């Protein structure tokens, strides 16, 4: 579990498994299937799915679905590769759907 100085943190809404620290939150301005999503520079306690090429609103990407390591709930995706050089800043970052998170203090 996180040290007391690592709060607030974001956890899986389904099982409360810690997923990301507030300090790793890059943006709240993303959209996913369920609505609003957050971009994190780092997440923990996840499992990566298979990579696939996907057309998204801002272009073509290679992405991998991310799942909670504890309960297996699908949370969002990781940007593995951006085909458009102007979108490469997203590579290596994670998108987690807001409805699948709970913020804990």
Protein backbone atom coordinates (compact mmCIF):
# COMPACT_ATOMS: atom_id res chain seq x y z
CA UNK A 1 0.00 0.00 0.00
CA UNK A 2 1.04 3.59 -0.45
CA UNK A 3 3.01 5.48 2.17
CA UNK A 4 1.03 8.18 4.00
CA UNK A 5 2.87 10.91 2.06
CA UNK A 6 1.69 9.49 -1.28
CA UNK A 7 -1.92 10.63 -0.98
CA UNK A 8 -4.14 11.52 -2.65
CA UNK A 9 -4.11 8.53 -4.96
CA UNK A 10 -6.44 7.00 -7.50
CA UNK A 11 -7.72 3.45 -7.01
CA UNK A 12 -9.80 0.96 -8.95
CA UNK A 13 -13.46 1.73 -8.28
CA UNK A 14 -14.26 -1.99 -8.43
CA UNK A 15 -11.77 -3.32 -5.82
CA UNK A 16 -9.90 -0.26 -4.40
CA UNK A 17 -6.53 -1.48 -5.70
CA UNK A 18 -4.17 1.55 -5.80
CA UNK A 19 -3.47 2.58 -9.41
CA UNK A 20 -1.85 6.03 -9.57
CA UNK A 21 -0.63 8.92 -7.48
CA UNK A 22 -2.04 12.40 -7.91
CA UNK A 23 1.47 13.68 -8.73
CA UNK A 24 1.47 11.46 -11.88
CA UNK A 25 -1.74 13.01 -13.25
CA UNK A 26 -0.93 14.88 -16.48
CA UNK A 27 -4.38 15.86 -17.75
CA UNK A 28 -8.12 15.52 -17.12
CA UNK A 29 -8.97 16.57 -20.68
CA UNK A 30 -9.33 13.16 -22.35
CA UNK A 31 -12.38 11.26 -23.58
CA UNK A 32 -13.04 7.53 -23.47
CA UNK A 33 -16.00 5.26 -24.14
CA UNK A 34 -17.56 6.02 -20.77
CA UNK A 35 -16.89 9.77 -20.93
CA UNK A 36 -14.13 11.73 -19.20
CA UNK A 37 -10.71 10.14 -18.80
CA UNK A 38 -7.43 11.08 -17.16
CA UNK A 39 -3.90 10.83 -18.53
CA UNK A 40 -1.19 9.60 -16.15
CA UNK A 41 2.55 9.41 -16.69
CA UNK A 42 2.73 6.31 -14.49
CA UNK A 43 0.26 3.74 -13.18
CA UNK A 44 0.80 0.70 -10.97
CA UNK A 45 -0.89 -2.61 -10.23
CA UNK A 46 -2.06 -3.08 -13.80
CA UNK A 47 -1.76 -5.73 -16.49
CA UNK A 48 -1.20 -4.76 -20.13
CA UNK A 49 -3.29 -6.36 -22.85
CA UNK A 50 -2.15 -7.06 -26.40
CA UNK A 51 -1.03 -4.19 -28.58
CA UNK A 52 -3.30 -3.11 -31.41
CA UNK A 53 -3.42 -0.29 -33.92
CA UNK A 54 -6.42 1.94 -33.35
CA UNK A 55 -7.86 5.02 -35.05
CA UNK A 56 -8.74 7.63 -32.43
CA UNK A 57 -9.97 11.22 -32.52
CA UNK A 58 -6.45 12.63 -32.81
CA UNK A 59 -4.99 10.04 -35.18
CA UNK A 60 -3.69 6.50 -35.45
CA UNK A 61 -1.98 4.86 -32.46
CA UNK A 62 -0.67 1.55 -31.25
CA UNK A 63 -2.34 1.04 -27.87
CA UNK A 64 -2.62 -1.69 -25.25
CA UNK A 65 -5.62 -2.07 -22.98
CA UNK A 66 -4.87 -1.85 -19.26
CA UNK A 67 -6.55 -4.00 -16.62
CA UNK A 68 -6.56 -3.92 -12.81
CA UNK A 69 -4.08 -6.52 -11.59
CA UNK A 70 -6.36 -7.40 -8.67
CA UNK A 71 -9.86 -7.73 -10.16
CA UNK A 72 -9.17 -7.75 -13.93
CA UNK A 73 -11.49 -4.81 -14.63
CA UNK A 74 -10.59 -2.97 -17.86
CA UNK A 75 -9.51 0.57 -16.95
CA UNK A 76 -8.35 2.23 -20.16
CA UNK A 77 -5.26 2.02 -22.35
CA UNK A 78 -1.57 2.79 -22.72
CA UNK A 79 -0.30 4.77 -25.70
CA UNK A 80 2.50 2.61 -27.09
CA UNK A 81 3.12 4.44 -30.38
CA UNK A 82 1.74 7.50 -32.15
CA UNK A 83 1.89 7.42 -35.95
CA UNK A 84 1.71 11.22 -36.16
CA UNK A 85 4.96 12.82 -34.92
CA UNK A 86 2.99 15.71 -33.37
CA UNK A 87 1.23 13.23 -31.06
CA UNK A 88 4.36 11.38 -29.86
CA UNK A 89 4.18 13.20 -26.53
CA UNK A 90 1.45 10.70 -25.59
CA UNK A 91 3.70 7.66 -26.05
CA UNK A 92 4.24 5.73 -22.83
CA UNK A 93 1.39 7.49 -21.02
CA UNK A 94 -1.80 5.91 -19.69
CA UNK A 95 -5.44 6.87 -20.13
CA UNK A 96 -7.77 5.74 -17.33
CA UNK A 97 -11.52 6.26 -17.52
CA UNK A 98 -12.78 8.51 -14.71
CA UNK A 99 -15.80 6.27 -14.01
CA UNK A 100 -13.41 3.41 -13.22
CA UNK A 101 -11.45 5.38 -10.62
CA UNK A 102 -11.99 6.56 -7.08
CA UNK A 103 -9.79 9.27 -5.52
CA UNK A 104 -8.64 8.44 -2.02
CA UNK A 105 -7.13 10.81 0.55
